[in-house]
Amino acid sequence: MLVSAKVFTRLSLKYNGYIAGANDGIVTVAGKPASRKIWLMNAQTMALEQVITSLSNGHYMFLGLDPAKKYLVMVRDYKKEFEPFVWDQVPPANDLSIDEQMALQMSWQN
């Protein structure tokens, strides 16, 4: 018999800012939601901050961001059929608590 349990651990992040793909802000390829790698860079220094992969439904979320900074978000098509797409000077949202951010992220899993 296989027994598994979901274990939730409260996150402790230095900052509560986040950038998330929702509504029209999801990753798409040829107009359809897609899973692709997404790079997050500091818009001022161009230092790489995080790399994540969007879900197959196109949703993504960067967590723990400083709301006082702005970021560059870039998606590339690994199949090389389309040019990279970039959003520049993106300010993180901080209207949700960490718990609410995690709940939103979990809601996209289905």
Protein backbone atom coordinates (compact mmCIF):
# COMPACT_ATOMS: atom_id res chain seq x y z
CA MET A 1 0.00 0.00 0.00
CA LEU A 2 1.21 3.47 -0.87
CA VAL A 3 0.37 6.29 1.49
CA SER A 4 1.01 9.90 0.61
CA ALA A 5 0.17 13.11 2.37
CA LYS A 6 0.21 16.70 1.34
CA VAL A 7 2.35 18.73 3.69
CA PHE A 8 2.03 22.49 3.71
CA THR A 9 4.82 24.64 5.05
CA ARG A 10 4.28 28.33 5.69
CA LEU A 11 6.71 30.30 3.56
CA SER A 12 8.89 32.93 5.14
CA LEU A 13 10.00 35.29 2.43
CA LYS A 14 11.87 38.56 2.87
CA TYR A 15 9.45 40.39 0.52
CA ASN A 16 5.79 39.84 -0.28
CA GLY A 17 5.82 41.08 -3.89
CA TYR A 18 4.84 38.78 -6.71
CA ILE A 19 4.45 38.74 -10.48
CA ALA A 20 1.88 36.31 -11.78
CA GLY A 21 0.34 35.41 -15.08
CA ALA A 22 -3.43 35.74 -14.84
CA ASN A 23 -6.20 36.44 -17.35
CA ASP A 24 -4.45 37.84 -20.45
CA GLY A 25 -1.08 37.61 -18.69
CA ILE A 26 -0.53 33.90 -19.23
CA VAL A 27 2.10 32.36 -21.48
CA THR A 28 0.68 31.52 -24.89
CA VAL A 29 2.09 30.09 -28.10
CA ALA A 30 0.08 30.72 -31.25
CA GLY A 31 -2.77 31.99 -29.06
CA LYS A 32 -2.98 28.87 -26.87
CA PRO A 33 -1.76 28.53 -23.25
CA ALA A 34 1.65 26.88 -23.06
CA SER A 35 4.37 25.74 -20.70
CA ARG A 36 7.63 27.61 -21.27
CA LYS A 37 10.62 28.76 -19.21
CA ILE A 38 10.33 32.32 -17.92
CA TRP A 39 13.28 34.45 -16.84
CA LEU A 40 12.98 37.23 -14.27
CA MET A 41 15.68 39.90 -14.22
CA ASN A 42 16.24 43.03 -12.21
CA ALA A 43 15.24 45.77 -14.69
CA GLN A 44 17.99 48.12 -13.47
CA THR A 45 20.97 45.77 -13.20
CA MET A 46 19.78 43.00 -15.55
CA ALA A 47 20.87 40.48 -12.91
CA LEU A 48 19.02 37.19 -13.21
CA GLU A 49 16.70 36.82 -10.21
CA GLN A 50 14.65 33.68 -10.90
CA VAL A 51 13.83 31.15 -13.63
CA ILE A 52 10.55 29.23 -13.55
CA THR A 53 8.40 27.25 -15.98
CA SER A 54 4.78 28.17 -16.60
CA LEU A 55 2.15 25.51 -16.11
CA SER A 56 0.60 23.84 -19.17
CA ASN A 57 -2.34 26.26 -18.74
CA GLY A 58 0.10 29.18 -19.13
CA HIS A 59 -0.06 30.43 -15.54
CA TYR A 60 3.08 31.35 -13.62
CA MET A 61 4.08 33.16 -10.43
CA PHE A 62 7.34 34.68 -9.18
CA LEU A 63 7.33 34.99 -5.38
CA GLY A 64 9.34 36.90 -2.78
CA LEU A 65 9.96 40.02 -4.87
CA ASP A 66 10.84 43.47 -3.57
CA PRO A 67 7.83 45.70 -4.36
CA ALA A 68 10.16 48.72 -4.58
CA LYS A 69 12.01 47.25 -7.58
CA LYS A 70 10.98 46.72 -11.19
CA TYR A 71 11.66 43.61 -13.20
CA LEU A 72 12.05 42.36 -16.75
CA VAL A 73 10.10 39.17 -17.54
CA MET A 74 11.14 37.18 -20.61
CA VAL A 75 9.67 34.07 -22.21
CA ARG A 76 11.46 32.17 -24.96
CA ASP A 77 10.11 29.49 -27.25
CA TYR A 78 12.37 26.46 -26.96
CA LYS A 79 11.07 25.23 -30.33
CA LYS A 80 12.47 28.43 -31.89
CA GLU A 81 9.27 29.04 -33.85
CA PHE A 82 8.60 32.44 -32.25
CA GLU A 83 10.68 35.39 -31.08
CA PRO A 84 11.08 35.90 -27.30
CA PHE A 85 8.40 37.96 -25.59
CA VAL A 86 9.47 40.48 -22.96
CA TRP A 87 7.67 42.67 -20.43
CA ASP A 88 9.94 45.45 -19.11
CA GLN A 89 9.75 47.61 -15.96
CA VAL A 90 7.17 45.31 -14.33
CA PRO A 91 6.39 46.28 -10.73
CA PRO A 92 5.47 43.39 -8.43
CA ALA A 93 2.01 43.33 -6.90
CA ASN A 94 1.76 43.10 -3.12
CA ASP A 95 -2.00 43.06 -2.64
CA LEU A 96 -2.07 39.42 -1.49
CA SER A 97 -0.49 37.84 1.57
CA ILE A 98 1.95 34.97 1.03
CA ASP A 99 -0.84 32.54 2.01
CA GLU A 100 -3.19 34.13 -0.55
CA GLN A 101 -0.48 33.98 -3.21
CA MET A 102 0.01 30.27 -2.51
CA ALA A 103 -3.75 29.66 -2.65
CA LEU A 104 -3.94 31.45 -6.01
CA GLN A 105 -1.04 29.41 -7.32
CA MET A 106 -2.70 26.18 -6.12
CA SER A 107 -5.97 27.14 -7.85
CA TRP A 108 -4.13 27.11 -11.18
CA GLN A 109 -3.00 23.50 -10.73
CA ASN A 110 -6.31 22.05 -11.95
